[in-house]
């Protein structure tokens, strides 16, 4: 099985990708395209699972110390739960303005958690 040269780089790349998806979702919410926003949030939610696993693998390889890896994984899962809240808010038949606002707020909370993860990385 092929393994990446650096799991830490996978963590960084995963965070960057989720940030791109979050920006796409927020832009779509701003223009009323809730289906596009929902899809972007769902994709970011899935990516955060893989990113959290990569943080664990980075610790096993010694690329990230164990306490930082645990904290990063916890924050990544927290960001994932925020994106789940956004998915739920957008998952209705025709989400109204309040649901879109709740989703946008949840996406911003996920972004703040990702900011904290990035500060933990060497």
PDB file of N, CA and C in Angstrom:
ATOM      1  N   UNK A   1       0.838  -1.169   0.000  1.00  0.00           N
ATOM      2  CA  UNK A   1       0.000   0.000   0.000  1.00  0.00           C
ATOM      3  C   UNK A   1       0.894   1.247   0.000  1.00  0.00           C
ATOM      4  N   UNK A   2       0.532   2.201  -0.823  1.00  0.00           N
ATOM      5  CA  UNK A   2       1.269   3.453  -0.868  1.00  0.00           C
ATOM      6  C   UNK A   2       0.837   4.358   0.265  1.00  0.00           C
ATOM      7  N   UNK A   3       1.803   5.020   0.877  1.00  0.00           N
ATOM      8  CA  UNK A   3       1.508   5.966   1.939  1.00  0.00           C
ATOM      9  C   UNK A   3       2.046   7.332   1.537  1.00  0.00           C
ATOM     10  N   UNK A   4       1.421   8.384   2.010  1.00  0.00           N
ATOM     11  CA  UNK A   4       1.908   9.719   1.667  1.00  0.00           C
ATOM     12  C   UNK A   4       3.253   9.995   2.325  1.00  0.00           C
ATOM     13  N   UNK A   5       3.984  10.932   1.756  1.00  0.00           N
ATOM     14  CA  UNK A   5       5.257  11.313   2.348  1.00  0.00           C
ATOM     15  C   UNK A   5       5.047  11.954   3.712  1.00  0.00           C
ATOM     16  N   UNK A   6       3.947  12.671   3.889  1.00  0.00           N
ATOM     17  CA  UNK A   6       3.696  13.357   5.147  1.00  0.00           C
ATOM     18  C   UNK A   6       2.193  13.396   5.436  1.00  0.00           C
ATOM     19  N   UNK A   7       1.824  12.788   6.532  1.00  0.00           N
ATOM     20  CA  UNK A   7       0.422  12.870   6.953  1.00  0.00           C
ATOM     21  C   UNK A   7       0.095  14.282   7.430  1.00  0.00           C
ATOM     22  N   UNK A   8       1.096  14.980   7.954  1.00  0.00           N
ATOM     23  CA  UNK A   8       0.883  16.351   8.378  1.00  0.00           C
ATOM     24  C   UNK A   8       0.487  17.221   7.186  1.00  0.00           C
ATOM     25  N   UNK A   9       1.102  16.967   6.036  1.00  0.00           N
ATOM     26  CA  UNK A   9       0.721  17.703   4.828  1.00  0.00           C
ATOM     27  C   UNK A   9      -0.699  17.337   4.393  1.00  0.00           C
ATOM     28  N   UNK A  10      -1.100  16.106   4.638  1.00  0.00           N
ATOM     29  CA  UNK A  10      -2.487  15.714   4.353  1.00  0.00           C
ATOM     30  C   UNK A  10      -3.455  16.491   5.241  1.00  0.00           C
ATOM     31  N   UNK A  11      -3.072  16.706   6.483  1.00  0.00           N
ATOM     32  CA  UNK A  11      -3.918  17.488   7.388  1.00  0.00           C
ATOM     33  C   UNK A  11      -4.057  18.909   6.852  1.00  0.00           C
ATOM     34  N   UNK A  12      -2.934  19.500   6.497  1.00  0.00           N
ATOM     35  CA  UNK A  12      -2.973  20.876   5.965  1.00  0.00           C
ATOM     36  C   UNK A  12      -3.807  20.957   4.681  1.00  0.00           C
ATOM     37  N   UNK A  13      -3.596  20.002   3.798  1.00  0.00           N
ATOM     38  CA  UNK A  13      -4.343  19.995   2.528  1.00  0.00           C
ATOM     39  C   UNK A  13      -5.839  19.790   2.777  1.00  0.00           C
ATOM     40  N   UNK A  14      -6.178  18.929   3.731  1.00  0.00           N
ATOM     41  CA  UNK A  14      -7.582  18.701   4.067  1.00  0.00           C
ATOM     42  C   UNK A  14      -8.236  19.955   4.610  1.00  0.00           C
ATOM     43  N   UNK A  15      -7.524  20.676   5.469  1.00  0.00           N
ATOM     44  CA  UNK A  15      -8.056  21.924   6.017  1.00  0.00           C
ATOM     45  C   UNK A  15      -8.248  22.941   4.898  1.00  0.00           C
ATOM     46  N   UNK A  16      -7.261  23.048   4.015  1.00  0.00           N
ATOM     47  CA  UNK A  16      -7.384  23.990   2.891  1.00  0.00           C
ATOM     48  C   UNK A  16      -8.597  23.660   2.025  1.00  0.00           C
ATOM     49  N   UNK A  17      -8.807  22.375   1.763  1.00  0.00           N
ATOM     50  CA  UNK A  17      -9.936  21.969   0.930  1.00  0.00           C
ATOM     51  C   UNK A  17     -11.272  22.299   1.617  1.00  0.00           C
ATOM     52  N   UNK A  18     -11.347  22.024   2.914  1.00  0.00           N
ATOM     53  CA  UNK A  18     -12.584  22.332   3.639  1.00  0.00           C
ATOM     54  C   UNK A  18     -12.833  23.836   3.637  1.00  0.00           C
ATOM     55  N   UNK A  19     -11.786  24.622   3.792  1.00  0.00           N
ATOM     56  CA  UNK A  19     -11.945  26.081   3.745  1.00  0.00           C
ATOM     57  C   UNK A  19     -12.493  26.529   2.378  1.00  0.00           C
ATOM     58  N   UNK A  20     -11.995  25.901   1.313  1.00  0.00           N
ATOM     59  CA  UNK A  20     -12.499  26.213  -0.027  1.00  0.00           C
ATOM     60  C   UNK A  20     -13.984  25.863  -0.135  1.00  0.00           C
ATOM     61  N   UNK A  21     -14.346  24.708   0.378  1.00  0.00           N
ATOM     62  CA  UNK A  21     -15.748  24.288   0.343  1.00  0.00           C
ATOM     63  C   UNK A  21     -16.625  25.187   1.211  1.00  0.00           C
ATOM     64  N   UNK A  22     -16.103  25.596   2.367  1.00  0.00           N
ATOM     65  CA  UNK A  22     -16.867  26.497   3.232  1.00  0.00           C
ATOM     66  C   UNK A  22     -17.118  27.835   2.533  1.00  0.00           C
ATOM     67  N   UNK A  23     -16.090  28.350   1.865  1.00  0.00           N
ATOM     68  CA  UNK A  23     -16.250  29.616   1.133  1.00  0.00           C
ATOM     69  C   UNK A  23     -17.284  29.459   0.019  1.00  0.00           C
ATOM     70  N   UNK A  24     -17.244  28.320  -0.649  1.00  0.00           N
ATOM     71  CA  UNK A  24     -18.229  28.036  -1.704  1.00  0.00           C
ATOM     72  C   UNK A  24     -19.644  27.996  -1.119  1.00  0.00           C
ATOM     73  N   UNK A  25     -19.778  27.353   0.036  1.00  0.00           N
ATOM     74  CA  UNK A  25     -21.088  27.245   0.677  1.00  0.00           C
ATOM     75  C   UNK A  25     -21.601  28.613   1.107  1.00  0.00           C
ATOM     76  N   UNK A  26     -20.739  29.420   1.701  1.00  0.00           N
ATOM     77  CA  UNK A  26     -21.167  30.747   2.138  1.00  0.00           C
ATOM     78  C   UNK A  26     -21.560  31.623   0.948  1.00  0.00           C
ATOM     79  N   UNK A  27     -20.796  31.540  -0.141  1.00  0.00           N
ATOM     80  CA  UNK A  27     -21.141  32.311  -1.343  1.00  0.00           C
ATOM     81  C   UNK A  27     -22.477  31.849  -1.907  1.00  0.00           C
ATOM     82  N   UNK A  28     -22.690  30.533  -1.921  1.00  0.00           N
ATOM     83  CA  UNK A  28     -23.942  29.996  -2.436  1.00  0.00           C
ATOM     84  C   UNK A  28     -25.122  30.424  -1.561  1.00  0.00           C
ATOM     85  N   UNK A  29     -24.909  30.440  -0.242  1.00  0.00           N
ATOM     86  CA  UNK A  29     -25.977  30.900   0.649  1.00  0.00           C
ATOM     87  C   UNK A  29     -26.296  32.362   0.377  1.00  0.00           C
ATOM     88  N   UNK A  30     -25.264  33.153   0.131  1.00  0.00           N
ATOM     89  CA  UNK A  30     -25.466  34.570  -0.149  1.00  0.00           C
ATOM     90  C   UNK A  30     -26.250  34.825  -1.421  1.00  0.00           C
ATOM     91  N   UNK A  31     -26.130  33.901  -2.373  1.00  0.00           N
ATOM     92  CA  UNK A  31     -26.852  34.080  -3.633  1.00  0.00           C
ATOM     93  C   UNK A  31     -28.124  33.233  -3.709  1.00  0.00           C
ATOM     94  N   UNK A  32     -28.488  32.601  -2.591  1.00  0.00           N
ATOM     95  CA  UNK A  32     -29.737  31.850  -2.537  1.00  0.00           C
ATOM     96  C   UNK A  32     -29.682  30.450  -3.122  1.00  0.00           C
ATOM     97  N   UNK A  33     -28.500  29.956  -3.416  1.00  0.00           N
ATOM     98  CA  UNK A  33     -28.350  28.612  -3.993  1.00  0.00           C
ATOM     99  C   UNK A  33     -28.147  27.583  -2.876  1.00  0.00           C
ATOM    100  N   UNK A  34     -29.209  27.243  -2.187  1.00  0.00           N
ATOM    101  CA  UNK A  34     -29.081  26.356  -1.029  1.00  0.00           C
ATOM    102  C   UNK A  34     -28.647  24.944  -1.407  1.00  0.00           C
ATOM    103  N   UNK A  35     -29.009  24.460  -2.595  1.00  0.00           N
ATOM    104  CA  UNK A  35     -28.571  23.123  -3.012  1.00  0.00           C
ATOM    105  C   UNK A  35     -27.053  23.069  -3.159  1.00  0.00           C
ATOM    106  N   UNK A  36     -26.483  24.106  -3.743  1.00  0.00           N
ATOM    107  CA  UNK A  36     -25.025  24.178  -3.904  1.00  0.00           C
ATOM    108  C   UNK A  36     -24.356  24.268  -2.534  1.00  0.00           C
ATOM    109  N   UNK A  37     -24.928  25.088  -1.654  1.00  0.00           N
ATOM    110  CA  UNK A  37     -24.387  25.224  -0.300  1.00  0.00           C
ATOM    111  C   UNK A  37     -24.437  23.886   0.437  1.00  0.00           C
ATOM    112  N   UNK A  38     -25.559  23.194   0.342  1.00  0.00           N
ATOM    113  CA  UNK A  38     -25.705  21.908   1.014  1.00  0.00           C
ATOM    114  C   UNK A  38     -24.651  20.918   0.523  1.00  0.00           C
ATOM    115  N   UNK A  39     -24.442  20.867  -0.783  1.00  0.00           N
ATOM    116  CA  UNK A  39     -23.457  19.938  -1.350  1.00  0.00           C
ATOM    117  C   UNK A  39     -22.052  20.277  -0.872  1.00  0.00           C
ATOM    118  N   UNK A  40     -21.695  21.550  -0.856  1.00  0.00           N
ATOM    119  CA  UNK A  40     -20.362  21.955  -0.404  1.00  0.00           C
ATOM    120  C   UNK A  40     -20.165  21.613   1.073  1.00  0.00           C
ATOM    121  N   UNK A  41     -21.181  21.858   1.890  1.00  0.00           N
ATOM    122  CA  UNK A  41     -21.091  21.538   3.318  1.00  0.00           C
ATOM    123  C   UNK A  41     -20.949  20.035   3.510  1.00  0.00           C
ATOM    124  N   UNK A  42     -21.723  19.260   2.774  1.00  0.00           N
ATOM    125  CA  UNK A  42     -21.642  17.793   2.893  1.00  0.00           C
ATOM    126  C   UNK A  42     -20.245  17.295   2.517  1.00  0.00           C
ATOM    127  N   UNK A  43     -19.685  17.837   1.454  1.00  0.00           N
ATOM    128  CA  UNK A  43     -18.344  17.427   1.031  1.00  0.00           C
ATOM    129  C   UNK A  43     -17.296  17.811   2.080  1.00  0.00           C
ATOM    130  N   UNK A  44     -17.422  18.989   2.671  1.00  0.00           N
ATOM    131  CA  UNK A  44     -16.494  19.398   3.732  1.00  0.00           C
ATOM    132  C   UNK A  44     -16.614  18.516   4.955  1.00  0.00           C
ATOM    133  N   UNK A  45     -17.849  18.139   5.282  1.00  0.00           N
ATOM    134  CA  UNK A  45     -18.103  17.258   6.427  1.00  0.00           C
ATOM    135  C   UNK A  45     -17.386  15.919   6.246  1.00  0.00           C
ATOM    136  N   UNK A  46     -17.466  15.368   5.045  1.00  0.00           N
ATOM    137  CA  UNK A  46     -16.795  14.089   4.759  1.00  0.00           C
ATOM    138  C   UNK A  46     -15.275  14.267   4.819  1.00  0.00           C
ATOM    139  N   UNK A  47     -14.772  15.364   4.245  1.00  0.00           N
ATOM    140  CA  UNK A  47     -13.332  15.613   4.228  1.00  0.00           C
ATOM    141  C   UNK A  47     -12.761  15.720   5.640  1.00  0.00           C
ATOM    142  N   UNK A  48     -13.521  16.300   6.550  1.00  0.00           N
ATOM    143  CA  UNK A  48     -13.011  16.447   7.915  1.00  0.00           C
ATOM    144  C   UNK A  48     -12.791  15.105   8.602  1.00  0.00           C
ATOM    145  N   UNK A  49     -13.548  14.090   8.236  1.00  0.00           N
ATOM    146  CA  UNK A  49     -13.297  12.742   8.765  1.00  0.00           C
ATOM    147  C   UNK A  49     -11.910  12.260   8.358  1.00  0.00           C
ATOM    148  N   UNK A  50     -11.602  12.395   7.073  1.00  0.00           N
ATOM    149  CA  UNK A  50     -10.297  11.963   6.571  1.00  0.00           C
ATOM    150  C   UNK A  50      -9.172  12.802   7.175  1.00  0.00           C
ATOM    151  N   UNK A  51      -9.415  14.081   7.347  1.00  0.00           N
ATOM    152  CA  UNK A  51      -8.398  14.967   7.908  1.00  0.00           C
ATOM    153  C   UNK A  51      -8.117  14.604   9.366  1.00  0.00           C
ATOM    154  N   UNK A  52      -9.166  14.292  10.117  1.00  0.00           N
ATOM    155  CA  UNK A  52      -8.979  13.871  11.510  1.00  0.00           C
ATOM    156  C   UNK A  52      -8.177  12.571  11.573  1.00  0.00           C
ATOM    157  N   UNK A  53      -8.446  11.648  10.671  1.00  0.00           N
ATOM    158  CA  UNK A  53      -7.675  10.393  10.637  1.00  0.00           C
ATOM    159  C   UNK A  53      -6.207  10.669  10.288  1.00  0.00           C
ATOM    160  N   UNK A  54      -5.971  11.602   9.396  1.00  0.00           N
ATOM    161  CA  UNK A  54      -4.589  11.946   9.038  1.00  0.00           C
ATOM    162  C   UNK A  54      -3.850  12.566  10.221  1.00  0.00           C
ATOM    163  N   UNK A  55      -4.559  13.303  11.074  1.00  0.00           N
ATOM    164  CA  UNK A  55      -3.895  13.874  12.253  1.00  0.00           C
ATOM    165  C   UNK A  55      -3.441  12.761  13.193  1.00  0.00           C
ATOM    166  N   UNK A  56      -4.244  11.727  13.313  1.00  0.00           N
ATOM    167  CA  UNK A  56      -3.850  10.572  14.133  1.00  0.00           C
ATOM    168  C   UNK A  56      -2.641   9.874  13.524  1.00  0.00           C
ATOM    169  N   UNK A  57      -2.668   9.705  12.204  1.00  0.00           N
ATOM    170  CA  UNK A  57      -1.540   9.068  11.520  1.00  0.00           C
ATOM    171  C   UNK A  57      -0.270   9.909  11.631  1.00  0.00           C
ATOM    172  N   UNK A  58      -0.404  11.230  11.598  1.00  0.00           N
ATOM    173  CA  UNK A  58       0.755  12.122  11.746  1.00  0.00           C
ATOM    174  C   UNK A  58       1.388  11.934  13.123  1.00  0.00           C
ATOM    175  N   UNK A  59       0.564  11.756  14.141  1.00  0.00           N
ATOM    176  CA  UNK A  59       1.090  11.524  15.490  1.00  0.00           C
ATOM    177  C   UNK A  59       1.805  10.178  15.566  1.00  0.00           C
ATOM    178  N   UNK A  60       1.236   9.154  14.936  1.00  0.00           N
ATOM    179  CA  UNK A  60       1.864   7.832  14.958  1.00  0.00           C
ATOM    180  C   UNK A  60       3.223   7.840  14.273  1.00  0.00           C
ATOM    181  N   UNK A  61       3.379   8.690  13.275  1.00  0.00           N
ATOM    182  CA  UNK A  61       4.653   8.815  12.567  1.00  0.00           C
ATOM    183  C   UNK A  61       5.616   9.783  13.240  1.00  0.00           C
ATOM    184  N   UNK A  62       5.172  10.454  14.275  1.00  0.00           N
ATOM    185  CA  UNK A  62       6.030  11.410  14.955  1.00  0.00           C
ATOM    186  C   UNK A  62       6.088  12.776  14.284  1.00  0.00           C
ATOM    187  N   UNK A  63       5.189  13.036  13.355  1.00  0.00           N
ATOM    188  CA  UNK A  63       5.162  14.328  12.681  1.00  0.00           C
ATOM    189  C   UNK A  63       4.455  15.382  13.531  1.00  0.00           C
ATOM    190  N   UNK A  64       3.714  14.929  14.511  1.00  0.00           N
ATOM    191  CA  UNK A  64       2.936  15.803  15.375  1.00  0.00           C
ATOM    192  C   UNK A  64       2.952  15.159  16.756  1.00  0.00           C
ATOM    193  N   UNK A  65       3.248  15.963  17.785  1.00  0.00           N
ATOM    194  CA  UNK A  65       3.294  15.338  19.112  1.00  0.00           C
ATOM    195  C   UNK A  65       1.887  14.932  19.553  1.00  0.00           C
ATOM    196  N   UNK A  66       1.837  13.953  20.447  1.00  0.00           N
ATOM    197  CA  UNK A  66       0.565  13.334  20.828  1.00  0.00           C
ATOM    198  C   UNK A  66      -0.452  14.332  21.398  1.00  0.00           C
ATOM    199  N   UNK A  67      -0.048  15.223  22.318  1.00  0.00           N
ATOM    200  CA  UNK A  67      -1.053  16.171  22.835  1.00  0.00           C
ATOM    201  C   UNK A  67      -1.610  17.089  21.743  1.00  0.00           C
ATOM    202  N   UNK A  68      -0.752  17.568  20.861  1.00  0.00           N
ATOM    203  CA  UNK A  68      -1.219  18.427  19.767  1.00  0.00           C
ATOM    204  C   UNK A  68      -2.129  17.647  18.828  1.00  0.00           C
ATOM    205  N   UNK A  69      -1.787  16.393  18.568  1.00  0.00           N
ATOM    206  CA  UNK A  69      -2.604  15.561  17.678  1.00  0.00           C
ATOM    207  C   UNK A  69      -3.986  15.326  18.273  1.00  0.00           C
ATOM    208  N   UNK A  70      -4.041  15.060  19.586  1.00  0.00           N
ATOM    209  CA  UNK A  70      -5.350  14.858  20.245  1.00  0.00           C
ATOM    210  C   UNK A  70      -6.185  16.133  20.184  1.00  0.00           C
ATOM    211  N   UNK A  71      -5.539  17.260  20.464  1.00  0.00           N
ATOM    212  CA  UNK A  71      -6.253  18.539  20.427  1.00  0.00           C
ATOM    213  C   UNK A  71      -6.724  18.846  19.004  1.00  0.00           C
ATOM    214  N   UNK A  72      -5.863  18.606  18.024  1.00  0.00           N
ATOM    215  CA  UNK A  72      -6.226  18.862  16.624  1.00  0.00           C
ATOM    216  C   UNK A  72      -7.382  17.971  16.210  1.00  0.00           C
ATOM    217  N   UNK A  73      -7.304  16.703  16.560  1.00  0.00           N
ATOM    218  CA  UNK A  73      -8.383  15.776  16.203  1.00  0.00           C
ATOM    219  C   UNK A  73      -9.697  16.213  16.844  1.00  0.00           C
ATOM    220  N   UNK A  74      -9.652  16.615  18.107  1.00  0.00           N
ATOM    221  CA  UNK A  74     -10.863  17.082  18.776  1.00  0.00           C
ATOM    222  C   UNK A  74     -11.458  18.311  18.089  1.00  0.00           C
ATOM    223  N   UNK A  75     -10.592  19.239  17.693  1.00  0.00           N
ATOM    224  CA  UNK A  75     -11.077  20.442  17.007  1.00  0.00           C
ATOM    225  C   UNK A  75     -11.593  20.123  15.611  1.00  0.00           C
ATOM    226  N   UNK A  76     -10.955  19.184  14.930  1.00  0.00           N
ATOM    227  CA  UNK A  76     -11.443  18.781  13.607  1.00  0.00           C
ATOM    228  C   UNK A  76     -12.821  18.139  13.723  1.00  0.00           C
ATOM    229  N   UNK A  77     -13.004  17.323  14.742  1.00  0.00           N
ATOM    230  CA  UNK A  77     -14.321  16.710  14.948  1.00  0.00           C
ATOM    231  C   UNK A  77     -15.355  17.747  15.394  1.00  0.00           C
ATOM    232  N   UNK A  78     -14.896  18.763  16.130  1.00  0.00           N
ATOM    233  CA  UNK A  78     -15.795  19.863  16.498  1.00  0.00           C
ATOM    234  C   UNK A  78     -16.226  20.625  15.236  1.00  0.00           C
ATOM    235  N   UNK A  79     -15.275  20.904  14.348  1.00  0.00           N
ATOM    236  CA  UNK A  79     -15.611  21.568  13.079  1.00  0.00           C
ATOM    237  C   UNK A  79     -16.589  20.712  12.292  1.00  0.00           C
ATOM    238  N   UNK A  80     -16.361  19.403  12.315  1.00  0.00           N
ATOM    239  CA  UNK A  80     -17.263  18.484  11.610  1.00  0.00           C
ATOM    240  C   UNK A  80     -18.675  18.560  12.192  1.00  0.00           C
ATOM    241  N   UNK A  81     -18.778  18.673  13.506  1.00  0.00           N
ATOM    242  CA  UNK A  81     -20.119  18.758  14.114  1.00  0.00           C
ATOM    243  C   UNK A  81     -20.800  20.080  13.735  1.00  0.00           C
ATOM    244  N   UNK A  82     -20.021  21.142  13.589  1.00  0.00           N
ATOM    245  CA  UNK A  82     -20.602  22.406  13.136  1.00  0.00           C
ATOM    246  C   UNK A  82     -21.124  22.274  11.704  1.00  0.00           C
ATOM    247  N   UNK A  83     -20.358  21.580  10.860  1.00  0.00           N
ATOM    248  CA  UNK A  83     -20.824  21.379   9.486  1.00  0.00           C
ATOM    249  C   UNK A  83     -22.050  20.467   9.449  1.00  0.00           C
ATOM    250  N   UNK A  84     -22.130  19.536  10.378  1.00  0.00           N
ATOM    251  CA  UNK A  84     -23.344  18.716  10.479  1.00  0.00           C
ATOM    252  C   UNK A  84     -24.548  19.597  10.813  1.00  0.00           C
ATOM    253  N   UNK A  85     -24.354  20.546  11.723  1.00  0.00           N
ATOM    254  CA  UNK A  85     -25.447  21.465  12.058  1.00  0.00           C
ATOM    255  C   UNK A  85     -25.872  22.266  10.822  1.00  0.00           C
ATOM    256  N   UNK A  86     -24.894  22.662  10.015  1.00  0.00           N
ATOM    257  CA  UNK A  86     -25.217  23.383   8.775  1.00  0.00           C
ATOM    258  C   UNK A  86     -25.978  22.477   7.808  1.00  0.00           C
ATOM    259  N   UNK A  87     -25.542  21.215   7.707  1.00  0.00           N
ATOM    260  CA  UNK A  87     -26.242  20.251   6.833  1.00  0.00           C
ATOM    261  C   UNK A  87     -27.685  20.094   7.264  1.00  0.00           C
ATOM    262  N   UNK A  88     -27.884  19.963   8.557  1.00  0.00           N
ATOM    263  CA  UNK A  88     -29.241  19.778   9.078  1.00  0.00           C
ATOM    264  C   UNK A  88     -30.086  21.015   8.779  1.00  0.00           C
ATOM    265  N   UNK A  89     -29.503  22.190   8.982  1.00  0.00           N
ATOM    266  CA  UNK A  89     -30.253  23.429   8.726  1.00  0.00           C
ATOM    267  C   UNK A  89     -30.655  23.545   7.259  1.00  0.00           C
ATOM    268  N   UNK A  90     -29.780  23.069   6.370  1.00  0.00           N
ATOM    269  CA  UNK A  90     -30.036  23.197   4.932  1.00  0.00           C
ATOM    270  C   UNK A  90     -30.761  21.994   4.342  1.00  0.00           C
ATOM    271  N   UNK A  91     -30.954  20.959   5.143  1.00  0.00           N
ATOM    272  CA  UNK A  91     -31.465  19.706   4.618  1.00  0.00           C
ATOM    273  C   UNK A  91     -32.952  19.632   4.386  1.00  0.00           C
ATOM    274  N   UNK A  92     -33.691  20.652   4.775  1.00  0.00           N
ATOM    275  CA  UNK A  92     -35.131  20.631   4.576  1.00  0.00           C
ATOM    276  C   UNK A  92     -35.515  20.799   3.115  1.00  0.00           C
ATOM    277  N   UNK A  93     -36.790  20.667   2.852  1.00  0.00           N
ATOM    278  CA  UNK A  93     -37.301  20.786   1.483  1.00  0.00           C
ATOM    279  C   UNK A  93     -36.945  22.136   0.878  1.00  0.00           C
ATOM    280  N   UNK A  94     -37.267  23.211   1.566  1.00  0.00           N
ATOM    281  CA  UNK A  94     -36.944  24.568   1.098  1.00  0.00           C
ATOM    282  C   UNK A  94     -36.537  25.390   2.312  1.00  0.00           C
ATOM    283  N   UNK A  95     -35.255  25.362   2.660  1.00  0.00           N
ATOM    284  CA  UNK A  95     -34.827  26.082   3.866  1.00  0.00           C
ATOM    285  C   UNK A  95     -35.095  27.581   3.744  1.00  0.00           C
ATOM    286  N   UNK A  96     -35.651  28.138   4.807  1.00  0.00           N
ATOM    287  CA  UNK A  96     -35.966  29.558   4.822  1.00  0.00           C
ATOM    288  C   UNK A  96     -34.766  30.395   5.229  1.00  0.00           C
ATOM    289  N   UNK A  97     -34.999  31.669   5.389  1.00  0.00           N
ATOM    290  CA  UNK A  97     -33.929  32.606   5.720  1.00  0.00           C
ATOM    291  C   UNK A  97     -33.282  32.269   7.065  1.00  0.00           C
ATOM    292  N   UNK A  98     -34.086  31.891   8.048  1.00  0.00           N
ATOM    293  CA  UNK A  98     -33.524  31.538   9.369  1.00  0.00           C
ATOM    294  C   UNK A  98     -32.623  30.321   9.273  1.00  0.00           C
ATOM    295  N   UNK A  99     -33.034  29.325   8.505  1.00  0.00           N
ATOM    296  CA  UNK A  99     -32.216  28.118   8.334  1.00  0.00           C
ATOM    297  C   UNK A  99     -30.907  28.460   7.635  1.00  0.00           C
ATOM    298  N   UNK A 100     -30.969  29.324   6.643  1.00  0.00           N
ATOM    299  CA  UNK A 100     -29.749  29.734   5.938  1.00  0.00           C
ATOM    300  C   UNK A 100     -28.811  30.497   6.869  1.00  0.00           C
ATOM    301  N   UNK A 101     -29.378  31.334   7.737  1.00  0.00           N
ATOM    302  CA  UNK A 101     -28.556  32.054   8.710  1.00  0.00           C
ATOM    303  C   UNK A 101     -27.919  31.102   9.716  1.00  0.00           C
ATOM    304  N   UNK A 102     -28.693  30.115  10.181  1.00  0.00           N
ATOM    305  CA  UNK A 102     -28.139  29.114  11.101  1.00  0.00           C
ATOM    306  C   UNK A 102     -27.005  28.354  10.437  1.00  0.00           C
ATOM    307  N   UNK A 103     -27.190  27.997   9.168  1.00  0.00           N
ATOM    308  CA  UNK A 103     -26.155  27.263   8.437  1.00  0.00           C
ATOM    309  C   UNK A 103     -24.895  28.118   8.291  1.00  0.00           C
ATOM    310  N   UNK A 104     -25.050  29.377   7.926  1.00  0.00           N
ATOM    311  CA  UNK A 104     -23.900  30.271   7.765  1.00  0.00           C
ATOM    312  C   UNK A 104     -23.150  30.435   9.084  1.00  0.00           C
ATOM    313  N   UNK A 105     -23.901  30.560  10.173  1.00  0.00           N
ATOM    314  CA  UNK A 105     -23.287  30.693  11.488  1.00  0.00           C
ATOM    315  C   UNK A 105     -22.507  29.426  11.850  1.00  0.00           C
ATOM    316  N   UNK A 106     -23.069  28.272  11.551  1.00  0.00           N
ATOM    317  CA  UNK A 106     -22.398  27.002  11.839  1.00  0.00           C
ATOM    318  C   UNK A 106     -21.123  26.864  11.005  1.00  0.00           C
ATOM    319  N   UNK A 107     -21.169  27.284   9.763  1.00  0.00           N
ATOM    320  CA  UNK A 107     -19.978  27.223   8.904  1.00  0.00           C
ATOM    321  C   UNK A 107     -18.885  28.126   9.473  1.00  0.00           C
ATOM    322  N   UNK A 108     -19.253  29.301   9.932  1.00  0.00           N
ATOM    323  CA  UNK A 108     -18.261  30.218  10.526  1.00  0.00           C
ATOM    324  C   UNK A 108     -17.659  29.639  11.806  1.00  0.00           C
ATOM    325  N   UNK A 109     -18.480  28.943  12.600  1.00  0.00           N
ATOM    326  CA  UNK A 109     -17.941  28.278  13.806  1.00  0.00           C
ATOM    327  C   UNK A 109     -16.957  27.184  13.415  1.00  0.00           C
ATOM    328  N   UNK A 110     -17.266  26.466  12.347  1.00  0.00           N
ATOM    329  CA  UNK A 110     -16.331  25.436  11.861  1.00  0.00           C
ATOM    330  C   UNK A 110     -15.017  26.081  11.441  1.00  0.00           C
ATOM    331  N   UNK A 111     -15.094  27.217  10.784  1.00  0.00           N
ATOM    332  CA  UNK A 111     -13.884  27.937  10.357  1.00  0.00           C
ATOM    333  C   UNK A 111     -13.031  28.345  11.558  1.00  0.00           C
ATOM    334  N   UNK A 112     -13.672  28.788  12.618  1.00  0.00           N
ATOM    335  CA  UNK A 112     -12.911  29.169  13.819  1.00  0.00           C
ATOM    336  C   UNK A 112     -12.213  27.952  14.423  1.00  0.00           C
ATOM    337  N   UNK A 113     -12.876  26.803  14.406  1.00  0.00           N
ATOM    338  CA  UNK A 113     -12.229  25.581  14.904  1.00  0.00           C
ATOM    339  C   UNK A 113     -11.026  25.224  14.033  1.00  0.00           C
ATOM    340  N   UNK A 114     -11.155  25.404  12.719  1.00  0.00           N
ATOM    341  CA  UNK A 114     -10.030  25.126  11.822  1.00  0.00           C
ATOM    342  C   UNK A 114      -8.878  26.092  12.066  1.00  0.00           C
ATOM    343  N   UNK A 115      -9.187  27.342  12.388  1.00  0.00           N
ATOM    344  CA  UNK A 115      -8.137  28.306  12.748  1.00  0.00           C
ATOM    345  C   UNK A 115      -7.332  27.786  13.934  1.00  0.00           C
ATOM    346  N   UNK A 116      -8.042  27.263  14.919  1.00  0.00           N
ATOM    347  CA  UNK A 116      -7.365  26.747  16.121  1.00  0.00           C
ATOM    348  C   UNK A 116      -6.526  25.520  15.797  1.00  0.00           C
ATOM    349  N   UNK A 117      -6.992  24.674  14.888  1.00  0.00           N
ATOM    350  CA  UNK A 117      -6.200  23.510  14.478  1.00  0.00           C
ATOM    351  C   UNK A 117      -4.897  23.977  13.841  1.00  0.00           C
ATOM    352  N   UNK A 118      -5.006  24.933  12.942  1.00  0.00           N
ATOM    353  CA  UNK A 118      -3.804  25.405  12.241  1.00  0.00           C
ATOM    354  C   UNK A 118      -2.760  25.970  13.203  1.00  0.00           C
ATOM    355  N   UNK A 119      -3.208  26.574  14.281  1.00  0.00           N
ATOM    356  CA  UNK A 119      -2.254  27.102  15.272  1.00  0.00           C
ATOM    357  C   UNK A 119      -1.523  25.980  16.016  1.00  0.00           C
ATOM    358  N   UNK A 120      -2.113  24.787  16.044  1.00  0.00           N
ATOM    359  CA  UNK A 120      -1.472  23.650  16.712  1.00  0.00           C
ATOM    360  C   UNK A 120      -0.411  22.971  15.856  1.00  0.00           C
ATOM    361  N   UNK A 121      -0.499  23.162  14.549  1.00  0.00           N
ATOM    362  CA  UNK A 121       0.395  22.440  13.640  1.00  0.00           C
ATOM    363  C   UNK A 121       1.775  23.085  13.607  1.00  0.00           C
ATOM    364  N   UNK A 122       2.824  22.248  13.567  1.00  0.00           N
ATOM    365  CA  UNK A 122       4.186  22.800  13.499  1.00  0.00           C
ATOM    366  C   UNK A 122       4.476  23.429  12.138  1.00  0.00           C
TER     367      UNK A 122
END
